[in-house]
Structure formats: C-alpha cells, structure tokens
Amino acid sequence: MITKLHKVVAVTSASINAPYIQEAVGTVIHLGDVVNGGTYVVDTYEGIEVGDLLTVFYQSCIDEWKAFYVVSASDMGRPIIFMLPAEAFVLGAASARYMITSRVGNVVQSPVAKYEVRR
C-alpha cells in the first residue's frame, strides 16, 4: 500500500486564541490554586472540523506535558478541556500552546500563553 504524503505548512493563525489555564490570575499561576491539578482550556476556533487532531503542550521549567485529542461532533461550538496533574506545576516559567492538524494534513499553531508559577 502506498500512502500519499502531504506538505506540512505550520502557520500561526490570528483566528485562534492561545490556550489558557483556568486557575491562572492573568499570567500568574499560584501553586495553592492547582493542588488538585489545573484546567487547560482550548476555546472553540474558526474552522473547527470533526476529525481535527489537537496536540496540546504545557511546558514547565523542567518538563513538557503533551496530549492528543480528536475533535468530535459534540465539541462543536464549545471549549475543549484538558486536566493537568498537580505535578505539572513547578515554580518558575511555564507556557501553553497547541497545534491543530486537519484531516488533510494542514497544521496551524496557536499563539503561546506564557505563565509564571508562584507560591
């Protein structure tokens, strides 16, 4: 069997928002607010389609956390929620971003959300 390869063009789109950590206050995440983990939110985006693959990333100053999610019909028009474990949050700089890969292989990257994790 031969599978056709598609050109990958990774672009950042103005029509999608950066993800956010729901427990953050502005750009600050307080450890006391994420003792049971954190809520990583990807807002619905222009052009969302069933079958889109979301790859979400959370980068702390020591580790990177990653998850994959395939968009379903029930996701249309609502945020997609991921849970980060408490150990993902360590003191220092952190960032969150995601990529959308369409069924035909087009890739769009979100803006990066930057945070500071504090006591």
PDB file of N, CA and C in Angstrom:
ATOM      1  N   MET A   1       0.838  -1.178   0.000  1.00  0.00           N
ATOM      2  CA  MET A   1       0.000   0.000   0.000  1.00  0.00           C
ATOM      3  C   MET A   1       0.886   1.246   0.000  1.00  0.00           C
ATOM      4  N   ILE A   2       0.509   2.223  -0.786  1.00  0.00           N
ATOM      5  CA  ILE A   2       1.249   3.481  -0.853  1.00  0.00           C
ATOM      6  C   ILE A   2       0.377   4.574  -0.254  1.00  0.00           C
ATOM      7  N   THR A   3       0.955   5.325   0.669  1.00  0.00           N
ATOM      8  CA  THR A   3       0.242   6.428   1.297  1.00  0.00           C
ATOM      9  C   THR A   3       0.825   7.732   0.797  1.00  0.00           C
ATOM     10  N   LYS A   4      -0.042   8.629   0.362  1.00  0.00           N
ATOM     11  CA  LYS A   4       0.398   9.922  -0.151  1.00  0.00           C
ATOM     12  C   LYS A   4       0.785  10.832   1.008  1.00  0.00           C
ATOM     13  N   LEU A   5       1.939  11.476   0.908  1.00  0.00           N
ATOM     14  CA  LEU A   5       2.374  12.440   1.906  1.00  0.00           C
ATOM     15  C   LEU A   5       1.823  13.811   1.554  1.00  0.00           C
ATOM     16  N   HIS A   6       1.556  14.593   2.578  1.00  0.00           N
ATOM     17  CA  HIS A   6       1.068  15.955   2.393  1.00  0.00           C
ATOM     18  C   HIS A   6       2.116  16.936   2.897  1.00  0.00           C
ATOM     19  N   LYS A   7       2.216  18.060   2.233  1.00  0.00           N
ATOM     20  CA  LYS A   7       3.129  19.104   2.671  1.00  0.00           C
ATOM     21  C   LYS A   7       2.608  19.682   3.980  1.00  0.00           C
ATOM     22  N   VAL A   8       3.486  19.814   4.957  1.00  0.00           N
ATOM     23  CA  VAL A   8       3.105  20.392   6.239  1.00  0.00           C
ATOM     24  C   VAL A   8       3.517  21.851   6.236  1.00  0.00           C
ATOM     25  N   VAL A   9       2.539  22.707   6.390  1.00  0.00           N
ATOM     26  CA  VAL A   9       2.791  24.133   6.473  1.00  0.00           C
ATOM     27  C   VAL A   9       2.293  24.577   7.839  1.00  0.00           C
ATOM     28  N   ALA A  10       3.210  24.818   8.748  1.00  0.00           N
ATOM     29  CA  ALA A  10       2.830  25.226  10.099  1.00  0.00           C
ATOM     30  C   ALA A  10       2.748  26.745  10.145  1.00  0.00           C
ATOM     31  N   VAL A  11       1.578  27.240  10.395  1.00  0.00           N
ATOM     32  CA  VAL A  11       1.377  28.679  10.472  1.00  0.00           C
ATOM     33  C   VAL A  11       0.665  29.010  11.773  1.00  0.00           C
ATOM     34  N   THR A  12       0.873  30.210  12.250  1.00  0.00           N
ATOM     35  CA  THR A  12       0.122  30.701  13.398  1.00  0.00           C
ATOM     36  C   THR A  12      -1.028  31.512  12.845  1.00  0.00           C
ATOM     37  N   SER A  13      -2.211  31.234  13.329  1.00  0.00           N
ATOM     38  CA  SER A  13      -3.397  31.887  12.802  1.00  0.00           C
ATOM     39  C   SER A  13      -3.924  32.931  13.772  1.00  0.00           C
ATOM     40  N   ALA A  14      -4.291  34.081  13.239  1.00  0.00           N
ATOM     41  CA  ALA A  14      -4.892  35.124  14.063  1.00  0.00           C
ATOM     42  C   ALA A  14      -6.307  34.748  14.482  1.00  0.00           C
ATOM     43  N   SER A  15      -6.885  33.731  13.843  1.00  0.00           N
ATOM     44  CA  SER A  15      -8.270  33.365  14.138  1.00  0.00           C
ATOM     45  C   SER A  15      -8.388  32.352  15.278  1.00  0.00           C
ATOM     46  N   ILE A  16      -7.261  31.937  15.860  1.00  0.00           N
ATOM     47  CA  ILE A  16      -7.340  31.058  17.027  1.00  0.00           C
ATOM     48  C   ILE A  16      -6.660  31.733  18.210  1.00  0.00           C
ATOM     49  N   ASN A  17      -7.184  31.465  19.386  1.00  0.00           N
ATOM     50  CA  ASN A  17      -6.647  32.055  20.609  1.00  0.00           C
ATOM     51  C   ASN A  17      -5.608  31.142  21.231  1.00  0.00           C
ATOM     52  N   ALA A  18      -4.772  31.718  22.043  1.00  0.00           N
ATOM     53  CA  ALA A  18      -3.862  30.908  22.851  1.00  0.00           C
ATOM     54  C   ALA A  18      -4.705  30.110  23.843  1.00  0.00           C
ATOM     55  N   PRO A  19      -4.233  28.938  24.244  1.00  0.00           N
ATOM     56  CA  PRO A  19      -4.940  28.209  25.295  1.00  0.00           C
ATOM     57  C   PRO A  19      -4.751  28.954  26.613  1.00  0.00           C
ATOM     58  N   TYR A  20      -5.493  28.563  27.633  1.00  0.00           N
ATOM     59  CA  TYR A  20      -5.277  29.192  28.936  1.00  0.00           C
ATOM     60  C   TYR A  20      -5.490  28.187  30.058  1.00  0.00           C
ATOM     61  N   ILE A  21      -4.842  28.492  31.166  1.00  0.00           N
ATOM     62  CA  ILE A  21      -5.001  27.711  32.383  1.00  0.00           C
ATOM     63  C   ILE A  21      -6.066  28.429  33.207  1.00  0.00           C
ATOM     64  N   GLN A  22      -7.170  27.757  33.441  1.00  0.00           N
ATOM     65  CA  GLN A  22      -8.329  28.385  34.067  1.00  0.00           C
ATOM     66  C   GLN A  22      -8.018  28.944  35.459  1.00  0.00           C
ATOM     67  N   GLU A  23      -7.126  28.315  36.195  1.00  0.00           N
ATOM     68  CA  GLU A  23      -6.819  28.752  37.558  1.00  0.00           C
ATOM     69  C   GLU A  23      -5.863  29.941  37.606  1.00  0.00           C
ATOM     70  N   ALA A  24      -5.307  30.340  36.481  1.00  0.00           N
ATOM     71  CA  ALA A  24      -4.361  31.459  36.448  1.00  0.00           C
ATOM     72  C   ALA A  24      -5.079  32.774  36.717  1.00  0.00           C
ATOM     73  N   VAL A  25      -4.346  33.688  37.335  1.00  0.00           N
ATOM     74  CA  VAL A  25      -4.812  35.059  37.508  1.00  0.00           C
ATOM     75  C   VAL A  25      -3.894  35.892  36.625  1.00  0.00           C
ATOM     76  N   GLY A  26      -4.417  36.285  35.468  1.00  0.00           N
ATOM     77  CA  GLY A  26      -3.565  36.934  34.479  1.00  0.00           C
ATOM     78  C   GLY A  26      -2.530  35.932  33.994  1.00  0.00           C
ATOM     79  N   THR A  27      -1.262  36.270  34.181  1.00  0.00           N
ATOM     80  CA  THR A  27      -0.190  35.365  33.751  1.00  0.00           C
ATOM     81  C   THR A  27       0.447  34.622  34.925  1.00  0.00           C
ATOM     82  N   VAL A  28      -0.199  34.663  36.088  1.00  0.00           N
ATOM     83  CA  VAL A  28       0.351  34.025  37.285  1.00  0.00           C
ATOM     84  C   VAL A  28      -0.504  32.830  37.688  1.00  0.00           C
ATOM     85  N   ILE A  29       0.167  31.709  37.947  1.00  0.00           N
ATOM     86  CA  ILE A  29      -0.488  30.516  38.481  1.00  0.00           C
ATOM     87  C   ILE A  29       0.070  30.312  39.887  1.00  0.00           C
ATOM     88  N   HIS A  30      -0.806  30.347  40.890  1.00  0.00           N
ATOM     89  CA  HIS A  30      -0.383  30.122  42.273  1.00  0.00           C
ATOM     90  C   HIS A  30      -0.498  28.633  42.589  1.00  0.00           C
ATOM     91  N   LEU A  31       0.569  28.065  43.165  1.00  0.00           N
ATOM     92  CA  LEU A  31       0.582  26.633  43.469  1.00  0.00           C
ATOM     93  C   LEU A  31      -0.617  26.211  44.314  1.00  0.00           C
ATOM     94  N   GLY A  32      -1.036  27.068  45.230  1.00  0.00           N
ATOM     95  CA  GLY A  32      -2.178  26.743  46.082  1.00  0.00           C
ATOM     96  C   GLY A  32      -3.471  26.569  45.310  1.00  0.00           C
ATOM     97  N   ASP A  33      -3.539  27.131  44.109  1.00  0.00           N
ATOM     98  CA  ASP A  33      -4.756  27.032  43.292  1.00  0.00           C
ATOM     99  C   ASP A  33      -4.770  25.797  42.399  1.00  0.00           C
ATOM    100  N   VAL A  34      -3.655  25.069  42.339  1.00  0.00           N
ATOM    101  CA  VAL A  34      -3.577  23.896  41.461  1.00  0.00           C
ATOM    102  C   VAL A  34      -3.137  22.637  42.221  1.00  0.00           C
ATOM    103  N   VAL A  35      -3.438  22.579  43.526  1.00  0.00           N
ATOM    104  CA  VAL A  35      -3.041  21.407  44.319  1.00  0.00           C
ATOM    105  C   VAL A  35      -3.732  20.136  43.832  1.00  0.00           C
ATOM    106  N   ASN A  36      -4.888  20.275  43.204  1.00  0.00           N
ATOM    107  CA  ASN A  36      -5.597  19.122  42.638  1.00  0.00           C
ATOM    108  C   ASN A  36      -5.464  19.058  41.121  1.00  0.00           C
ATOM    109  N   GLY A  37      -4.523  19.805  40.578  1.00  0.00           N
ATOM    110  CA  GLY A  37      -4.332  19.856  39.134  1.00  0.00           C
ATOM    111  C   GLY A  37      -4.876  21.149  38.557  1.00  0.00           C
ATOM    112  N   GLY A  38      -4.672  21.313  37.278  1.00  0.00           N
ATOM    113  CA  GLY A  38      -5.099  22.531  36.601  1.00  0.00           C
ATOM    114  C   GLY A  38      -5.952  22.222  35.388  1.00  0.00           C
ATOM    115  N   THR A  39      -6.724  23.211  34.988  1.00  0.00           N
ATOM    116  CA  THR A  39      -7.648  23.071  33.869  1.00  0.00           C
ATOM    117  C   THR A  39      -7.085  23.809  32.664  1.00  0.00           C
ATOM    118  N   TYR A  40      -6.764  23.076  31.614  1.00  0.00           N
ATOM    119  CA  TYR A  40      -6.171  23.605  30.386  1.00  0.00           C
ATOM    120  C   TYR A  40      -7.312  23.732  29.381  1.00  0.00           C
ATOM    121  N   VAL A  41      -7.551  24.938  28.878  1.00  0.00           N
ATOM    122  CA  VAL A  41      -8.719  25.196  28.033  1.00  0.00           C
ATOM    123  C   VAL A  41      -8.293  25.642  26.637  1.00  0.00           C
ATOM    124  N   VAL A  42      -8.870  24.987  25.633  1.00  0.00           N
ATOM    125  CA  VAL A  42      -8.726  25.406  24.240  1.00  0.00           C
ATOM    126  C   VAL A  42     -10.101  25.881  23.797  1.00  0.00           C
ATOM    127  N   ASP A  43     -10.226  27.189  23.550  1.00  0.00           N
ATOM    128  CA  ASP A  43     -11.505  27.725  23.074  1.00  0.00           C
ATOM    129  C   ASP A  43     -11.823  27.177  21.692  1.00  0.00           C
ATOM    130  N   THR A  44     -13.115  27.131  21.381  1.00  0.00           N
ATOM    131  CA  THR A  44     -13.501  26.747  20.030  1.00  0.00           C
ATOM    132  C   THR A  44     -12.838  27.720  19.054  1.00  0.00           C
ATOM    133  N   TYR A  45     -12.574  27.280  17.858  1.00  0.00           N
ATOM    134  CA  TYR A  45     -11.840  28.121  16.918  1.00  0.00           C
ATOM    135  C   TYR A  45     -12.521  28.118  15.555  1.00  0.00           C
ATOM    136  N   GLU A  46     -12.240  29.182  14.800  1.00  0.00           N
ATOM    137  CA  GLU A  46     -12.795  29.322  13.457  1.00  0.00           C
ATOM    138  C   GLU A  46     -12.314  28.167  12.589  1.00  0.00           C
ATOM    139  N   GLY A  47     -13.232  27.529  11.905  1.00  0.00           N
ATOM    140  CA  GLY A  47     -12.871  26.448  11.001  1.00  0.00           C
ATOM    141  C   GLY A  47     -12.753  25.089  11.662  1.00  0.00           C
ATOM    142  N   ILE A  48     -13.168  24.970  12.921  1.00  0.00           N
ATOM    143  CA  ILE A  48     -13.091  23.682  13.613  1.00  0.00           C
ATOM    144  C   ILE A  48     -13.878  22.637  12.830  1.00  0.00           C
ATOM    145  N   GLU A  49     -13.305  21.445  12.703  1.00  0.00           N
ATOM    146  CA  GLU A  49     -13.961  20.366  11.966  1.00  0.00           C
ATOM    147  C   GLU A  49     -13.825  19.058  12.720  1.00  0.00           C
ATOM    148  N   VAL A  50     -14.838  18.225  12.594  1.00  0.00           N
ATOM    149  CA  VAL A  50     -14.763  16.881  13.145  1.00  0.00           C
ATOM    150  C   VAL A  50     -13.556  16.184  12.518  1.00  0.00           C
ATOM    151  N   GLY A  51     -12.757  15.543  13.342  1.00  0.00           N
ATOM    152  CA  GLY A  51     -11.566  14.855  12.848  1.00  0.00           C
ATOM    153  C   GLY A  51     -10.283  15.647  13.002  1.00  0.00           C
ATOM    154  N   ASP A  52     -10.379  16.956  13.316  1.00  0.00           N
ATOM    155  CA  ASP A  52      -9.157  17.717  13.591  1.00  0.00           C
ATOM    156  C   ASP A  52      -8.420  17.054  14.751  1.00  0.00           C
ATOM    157  N   LEU A  53      -7.102  17.009  14.665  1.00  0.00           N
ATOM    158  CA  LEU A  53      -6.290  16.482  15.753  1.00  0.00           C
ATOM    159  C   LEU A  53      -5.683  17.654  16.509  1.00  0.00           C
ATOM    160  N   LEU A  54      -6.006  17.766  17.798  1.00  0.00           N
ATOM    161  CA  LEU A  54      -5.386  18.774  18.651  1.00  0.00           C
ATOM    162  C   LEU A  54      -4.222  18.117  19.374  1.00  0.00           C
ATOM    163  N   THR A  55      -3.080  18.761  19.325  1.00  0.00           N
ATOM    164  CA  THR A  55      -1.935  18.344  20.123  1.00  0.00           C
ATOM    165  C   THR A  55      -1.658  19.500  21.063  1.00  0.00           C
ATOM    166  N   VAL A  56      -1.855  19.271  22.357  1.00  0.00           N
ATOM    167  CA  VAL A  56      -1.687  20.349  23.334  1.00  0.00           C
ATOM    168  C   VAL A  56      -0.398  20.133  24.114  1.00  0.00           C
ATOM    169  N   PHE A  57       0.248  21.237  24.440  1.00  0.00           N
ATOM    170  CA  PHE A  57       1.526  21.199  25.142  1.00  0.00           C
ATOM    171  C   PHE A  57       1.474  22.131  26.346  1.00  0.00           C
ATOM    172  N   TYR A  58       2.024  21.678  27.453  1.00  0.00           N
ATOM    173  CA  TYR A  58       2.259  22.531  28.615  1.00  0.00           C
ATOM    174  C   TYR A  58       3.714  22.322  28.994  1.00  0.00           C
ATOM    175  N   GLN A  59       4.473  23.391  28.998  1.00  0.00           N
ATOM    176  CA  GLN A  59       5.907  23.322  29.273  1.00  0.00           C
ATOM    177  C   GLN A  59       6.190  24.025  30.591  1.00  0.00           C
ATOM    178  N   SER A  60       6.708  23.276  31.566  1.00  0.00           N
ATOM    179  CA  SER A  60       7.188  23.899  32.798  1.00  0.00           C
ATOM    180  C   SER A  60       8.686  24.126  32.628  1.00  0.00           C
ATOM    181  N   CYS A  61       9.329  24.632  33.657  1.00  0.00           N
ATOM    182  CA  CYS A  61      10.772  24.858  33.526  1.00  0.00           C
ATOM    183  C   CYS A  61      11.567  23.559  33.600  1.00  0.00           C
ATOM    184  N   ILE A  62      10.897  22.418  33.909  1.00  0.00           N
ATOM    185  CA  ILE A  62      11.639  21.151  33.952  1.00  0.00           C
ATOM    186  C   ILE A  62      11.043  20.039  33.087  1.00  0.00           C
ATOM    187  N   ASP A  63       9.773  20.117  32.737  1.00  0.00           N
ATOM    188  CA  ASP A  63       9.117  19.048  31.981  1.00  0.00           C
ATOM    189  C   ASP A  63       8.177  19.610  30.919  1.00  0.00           C
ATOM    190  N   GLU A  64       7.855  18.748  29.945  1.00  0.00           N
ATOM    191  CA  GLU A  64       6.808  19.092  28.980  1.00  0.00           C
ATOM    192  C   GLU A  64       5.717  18.029  29.072  1.00  0.00           C
ATOM    193  N   TRP A  65       4.481  18.484  29.097  1.00  0.00           N
ATOM    194  CA  TRP A  65       3.314  17.613  29.129  1.00  0.00           C
ATOM    195  C   TRP A  65       2.615  17.747  27.790  1.00  0.00           C
ATOM    196  N   LYS A  66       2.134  16.630  27.254  1.00  0.00           N
ATOM    197  CA  LYS A  66       1.524  16.653  25.928  1.00  0.00           C
ATOM    198  C   LYS A  66       0.323  15.717  25.919  1.00  0.00           C
ATOM    199  N   ALA A  67      -0.706  16.116  25.166  1.00  0.00           N
ATOM    200  CA  ALA A  67      -1.885  15.257  24.995  1.00  0.00           C
ATOM    201  C   ALA A  67      -2.382  15.407  23.568  1.00  0.00           C
ATOM    202  N   PHE A  68      -3.067  14.376  23.094  1.00  0.00           N
ATOM    203  CA  PHE A  68      -3.662  14.369  21.758  1.00  0.00           C
ATOM    204  C   PHE A  68      -5.168  14.203  21.913  1.00  0.00           C
ATOM    205  N   TYR A  69      -5.915  14.873  21.040  1.00  0.00           N
ATOM    206  CA  TYR A  69      -7.370  14.780  21.112  1.00  0.00           C
ATOM    207  C   TYR A  69      -7.940  14.943  19.708  1.00  0.00           C
ATOM    208  N   VAL A  70      -8.838  14.052  19.324  1.00  0.00           N
ATOM    209  CA  VAL A  70      -9.510  14.150  18.029  1.00  0.00           C
ATOM    210  C   VAL A  70     -10.868  14.802  18.252  1.00  0.00           C
ATOM    211  N   VAL A  71     -11.120  15.890  17.534  1.00  0.00           N
ATOM    212  CA  VAL A  71     -12.362  16.653  17.673  1.00  0.00           C
ATOM    213  C   VAL A  71     -13.546  15.819  17.184  1.00  0.00           C
ATOM    214  N   SER A  72     -14.611  15.808  17.988  1.00  0.00           N
ATOM    215  CA  SER A  72     -15.834  15.084  17.626  1.00  0.00           C
ATOM    216  C   SER A  72     -16.975  16.074  17.421  1.00  0.00           C
ATOM    217  N   ALA A  73     -18.092  15.594  16.930  1.00  0.00           N
ATOM    218  CA  ALA A  73     -19.252  16.455  16.670  1.00  0.00           C
ATOM    219  C   ALA A  73     -19.723  17.146  17.945  1.00  0.00           C
ATOM    220  N   SER A  74     -19.590  16.491  19.083  1.00  0.00           N
ATOM    221  CA  SER A  74     -20.049  17.091  20.340  1.00  0.00           C
ATOM    222  C   SER A  74     -19.158  18.241  20.806  1.00  0.00           C
ATOM    223  N   ASP A  75     -18.000  18.426  20.187  1.00  0.00           N
ATOM    224  CA  ASP A  75     -17.095  19.519  20.550  1.00  0.00           C
ATOM    225  C   ASP A  75     -17.411  20.826  19.833  1.00  0.00           C
ATOM    226  N   MET A  76     -18.256  20.776  18.835  1.00  0.00           N
ATOM    227  CA  MET A  76     -18.535  21.964  18.033  1.00  0.00           C
ATOM    228  C   MET A  76     -19.114  23.080  18.903  1.00  0.00           C
ATOM    229  N   GLY A  77     -18.498  24.251  18.824  1.00  0.00           N
ATOM    230  CA  GLY A  77     -19.021  25.429  19.495  1.00  0.00           C
ATOM    231  C   GLY A  77     -18.774  25.501  20.989  1.00  0.00           C
ATOM    232  N   ARG A  78     -17.932  24.639  21.524  1.00  0.00           N
ATOM    233  CA  ARG A  78     -17.652  24.712  22.959  1.00  0.00           C
ATOM    234  C   ARG A  78     -16.161  24.493  23.208  1.00  0.00           C
ATOM    235  N   PRO A  79     -15.659  24.991  24.351  1.00  0.00           N
ATOM    236  CA  PRO A  79     -14.243  24.791  24.662  1.00  0.00           C
ATOM    237  C   PRO A  79     -13.920  23.312  24.862  1.00  0.00           C
ATOM    238  N   ILE A  80     -12.678  22.950  24.594  1.00  0.00           N
ATOM    239  CA  ILE A  80     -12.196  21.592  24.832  1.00  0.00           C
ATOM    240  C   ILE A  80     -11.282  21.667  26.051  1.00  0.00           C
ATOM    241  N   ILE A  81     -11.577  20.835  27.042  1.00  0.00           N
ATOM    242  CA  ILE A  81     -10.931  20.910  28.351  1.00  0.00           C
ATOM    243  C   ILE A  81      -9.972  19.733  28.548  1.00  0.00           C
ATOM    244  N   PHE A  82      -8.797  20.035  29.067  1.00  0.00           N
ATOM    245  CA  PHE A  82      -7.805  19.028  29.442  1.00  0.00           C
ATOM    246  C   PHE A  82      -7.449  19.254  30.905  1.00  0.00           C
ATOM    247  N   MET A  83      -7.136  18.199  31.618  1.00  0.00           N
ATOM    248  CA  MET A  83      -6.719  18.321  33.015  1.00  0.00           C
ATOM    249  C   MET A  83      -5.218  18.055  33.121  1.00  0.00           C
ATOM    250  N   LEU A  84      -4.528  18.978  33.759  1.00  0.00           N
ATOM    251  CA  LEU A  84      -3.095  18.817  34.023  1.00  0.00           C
ATOM    252  C   LEU A  84      -2.922  18.344  35.462  1.00  0.00           C
ATOM    253  N   PRO A  85      -2.068  17.360  35.705  1.00  0.00           N
ATOM    254  CA  PRO A  85      -1.851  16.915  37.084  1.00  0.00           C
ATOM    255  C   PRO A  85      -1.108  17.985  37.884  1.00  0.00           C
ATOM    256  N   ALA A  86      -1.271  17.947  39.192  1.00  0.00           N
ATOM    257  CA  ALA A  86      -0.637  18.936  40.064  1.00  0.00           C
ATOM    258  C   ALA A  86       0.875  18.990  39.867  1.00  0.00           C
ATOM    259  N   GLU A  87       1.495  17.831  39.608  1.00  0.00           N
ATOM    260  CA  GLU A  87       2.958  17.815  39.470  1.00  0.00           C
ATOM    261  C   GLU A  87       3.457  18.525  38.208  1.00  0.00           C
ATOM    262  N   ALA A  88       2.562  18.904  37.313  1.00  0.00           N
ATOM    263  CA  ALA A  88       2.964  19.679  36.132  1.00  0.00           C
ATOM    264  C   ALA A  88       3.342  21.108  36.509  1.00  0.00           C
ATOM    265  N   PHE A  89       2.857  21.553  37.659  1.00  0.00           N
ATOM    266  CA  PHE A  89       3.069  22.941  38.074  1.00  0.00           C
ATOM    267  C   PHE A  89       4.240  23.029  39.042  1.00  0.00           C
ATOM    268  N   VAL A  90       5.344  23.571  38.553  1.00  0.00           N
ATOM    269  CA  VAL A  90       6.532  23.782  39.384  1.00  0.00           C
ATOM    270  C   VAL A  90       6.885  25.263  39.329  1.00  0.00           C
ATOM    271  N   LEU A  91       7.526  25.740  40.374  1.00  0.00           N
ATOM    272  CA  LEU A  91       7.874  27.159  40.440  1.00  0.00           C
ATOM    273  C   LEU A  91       8.711  27.572  39.237  1.00  0.00           C
ATOM    274  N   GLY A  92       8.378  28.730  38.674  1.00  0.00           N
ATOM    275  CA  GLY A  92       9.138  29.256  37.548  1.00  0.00           C
ATOM    276  C   GLY A  92       8.269  29.497  36.331  1.00  0.00           C
ATOM    277  N   ALA A  93       8.931  29.657  35.206  1.00  0.00           N
ATOM    278  CA  ALA A  93       8.242  29.961  33.947  1.00  0.00           C
ATOM    279  C   ALA A  93       7.528  28.725  33.411  1.00  0.00           C
ATOM    280  N   ALA A  94       6.410  28.970  32.725  1.00  0.00           N
ATOM    281  CA  ALA A  94       5.641  27.897  32.087  1.00  0.00           C
ATOM    282  C   ALA A  94       4.980  28.467  30.840  1.00  0.00           C
ATOM    283  N   SER A  95       4.603  27.575  29.934  1.00  0.00           N
ATOM    284  CA  SER A  95       3.902  28.029  28.733  1.00  0.00           C
ATOM    285  C   SER A  95       2.923  26.962  28.267  1.00  0.00           C
ATOM    286  N   ALA A  96       1.931  27.410  27.518  1.00  0.00           N
ATOM    287  CA  ALA A  96       0.916  26.510  26.963  1.00  0.00           C
ATOM    288  C   ALA A  96       0.702  26.885  25.503  1.00  0.00           C
ATOM    289  N   ARG A  97       0.542  25.863  24.668  1.00  0.00           N
ATOM    290  CA  ARG A  97       0.276  26.082  23.244  1.00  0.00           C
ATOM    291  C   ARG A  97      -0.366  24.820  22.696  1.00  0.00           C
ATOM    292  N   TYR A  98      -0.906  24.911  21.494  1.00  0.00           N
ATOM    293  CA  TYR A  98      -1.453  23.717  20.848  1.00  0.00           C
ATOM    294  C   TYR A  98      -1.305  23.823  19.343  1.00  0.00           C
ATOM    295  N   MET A  99      -1.426  22.672  18.688  1.00  0.00           N
ATOM    296  CA  MET A  99      -1.400  22.594  17.231  1.00  0.00           C
ATOM    297  C   MET A  99      -2.683  21.921  16.783  1.00  0.00           C
ATOM    298  N   ILE A 100      -3.192  22.367  15.658  1.00  0.00           N
ATOM    299  CA  ILE A 100      -4.355  21.742  15.034  1.00  0.00           C
ATOM    300  C   ILE A 100      -3.864  21.119  13.733  1.00  0.00           C
ATOM    301  N   THR A 101      -4.100  19.833  13.571  1.00  0.00           N
ATOM    302  CA  THR A 101      -3.775  19.157  12.323  1.00  0.00           C
ATOM    303  C   THR A 101      -5.085  18.699  11.704  1.00  0.00           C
ATOM    304  N   SER A 102      -5.393  19.230  10.527  1.00  0.00           N
ATOM    305  CA  SER A 102      -6.645  18.860   9.855  1.00  0.00           C
ATOM    306  C   SER A 102      -6.519  17.460   9.268  1.00  0.00           C
ATOM    307  N   ARG A 103      -7.648  16.903   8.851  1.00  0.00           N
ATOM    308  CA  ARG A 103      -7.636  15.558   8.274  1.00  0.00           C
ATOM    309  C   ARG A 103      -6.800  15.477   7.002  1.00  0.00           C
ATOM    310  N   VAL A 104      -6.618  16.603   6.296  1.00  0.00           N
ATOM    311  CA  VAL A 104      -5.801  16.583   5.075  1.00  0.00           C
ATOM    312  C   VAL A 104      -4.344  16.951   5.351  1.00  0.00           C
ATOM    313  N   GLY A 105      -3.999  17.165   6.629  1.00  0.00           N
ATOM    314  CA  GLY A 105      -2.610  17.388   6.991  1.00  0.00           C
ATOM    315  C   GLY A 105      -2.175  18.821   7.184  1.00  0.00           C
ATOM    316  N   ASN A 106      -3.078  19.794   7.026  1.00  0.00           N
ATOM    317  CA  ASN A 106      -2.699  21.179   7.281  1.00  0.00           C
ATOM    318  C   ASN A 106      -2.503  21.382   8.781  1.00  0.00           C
ATOM    319  N   VAL A 107      -1.479  22.147   9.143  1.00  0.00           N
ATOM    320  CA  VAL A 107      -1.147  22.364  10.552  1.00  0.00           C
ATOM    321  C   VAL A 107      -1.210  23.850  10.869  1.00  0.00           C
ATOM    322  N   VAL A 108      -1.899  24.174  11.964  1.00  0.00           N
ATOM    323  CA  VAL A 108      -1.962  25.549  12.452  1.00  0.00           C
ATOM    324  C   VAL A 108      -1.516  25.529  13.907  1.00  0.00           C
ATOM    325  N   GLN A 109      -0.664  26.472  14.274  1.00  0.00           N
ATOM    326  CA  GLN A 109      -0.188  26.560  15.650  1.00  0.00           C
ATOM    327  C   GLN A 109      -0.843  27.732  16.352  1.00  0.00           C
ATOM    328  N   SER A 110      -1.171  27.530  17.609  1.00  0.00           N
ATOM    329  CA  SER A 110      -1.753  28.608  18.403  1.00  0.00           C
ATOM    330  C   SER A 110      -0.659  29.566  18.852  1.00  0.00           C
ATOM    331  N   PRO A 111      -1.065  30.763  19.261  1.00  0.00           N
ATOM    332  CA  PRO A 111      -0.114  31.610  19.975  1.00  0.00           C
ATOM    333  C   PRO A 111       0.276  30.909  21.284  1.00  0.00           C
ATOM    334  N   VAL A 112       1.396  31.301  21.849  1.00  0.00           N
ATOM    335  CA  VAL A 112       1.871  30.711  23.102  1.00  0.00           C
ATOM    336  C   VAL A 112       1.391  31.563  24.272  1.00  0.00           C
ATOM    337  N   ALA A 113       0.816  30.913  25.277  1.00  0.00           N
ATOM    338  CA  ALA A 113       0.440  31.592  26.521  1.00  0.00           C
ATOM    339  C   ALA A 113       1.583  31.390  27.509  1.00  0.00           C
ATOM    340  N   LYS A 114       2.097  32.476  28.069  1.00  0.00           N
ATOM    341  CA  LYS A 114       3.225  32.387  28.999  1.00  0.00           C
ATOM    342  C   LYS A 114       2.750  32.676  30.417  1.00  0.00           C
ATOM    343  N   TYR A 115       3.257  31.877  31.357  1.00  0.00           N
ATOM    344  CA  TYR A 115       2.859  31.983  32.760  1.00  0.00           C
ATOM    345  C   TYR A 115       4.077  31.987  33.664  1.00  0.00           C
ATOM    346  N   GLU A 116       3.849  32.440  34.890  1.00  0.00           N
ATOM    347  CA  GLU A 116       4.825  32.336  35.968  1.00  0.00           C
ATOM    348  C   GLU A 116       4.131  31.595  37.102  1.00  0.00           C
ATOM    349  N   VAL A 117       4.708  30.461  37.510  1.00  0.00           N
ATOM    350  CA  VAL A 117       4.135  29.685  38.610  1.00  0.00           C
ATOM    351  C   VAL A 117       4.799  30.155  39.903  1.00  0.00           C
ATOM    352  N   ARG A 118       3.955  30.556  40.865  1.00  0.00           N
ATOM    353  CA  ARG A 118       4.453  31.099  42.142  1.00  0.00           C
ATOM    354  C   ARG A 118       3.792  30.380  43.316  1.00  0.00           C
ATOM    355  N   ARG A 119       4.374  30.599  44.491  1.00  0.00           N
ATOM    356  CA  ARG A 119       3.777  30.046  45.725  1.00  0.00           C
ATOM    357  C   ARG A 119       2.474  30.730  46.034  1.00  0.00           C
TER     358      ARG A 119
END
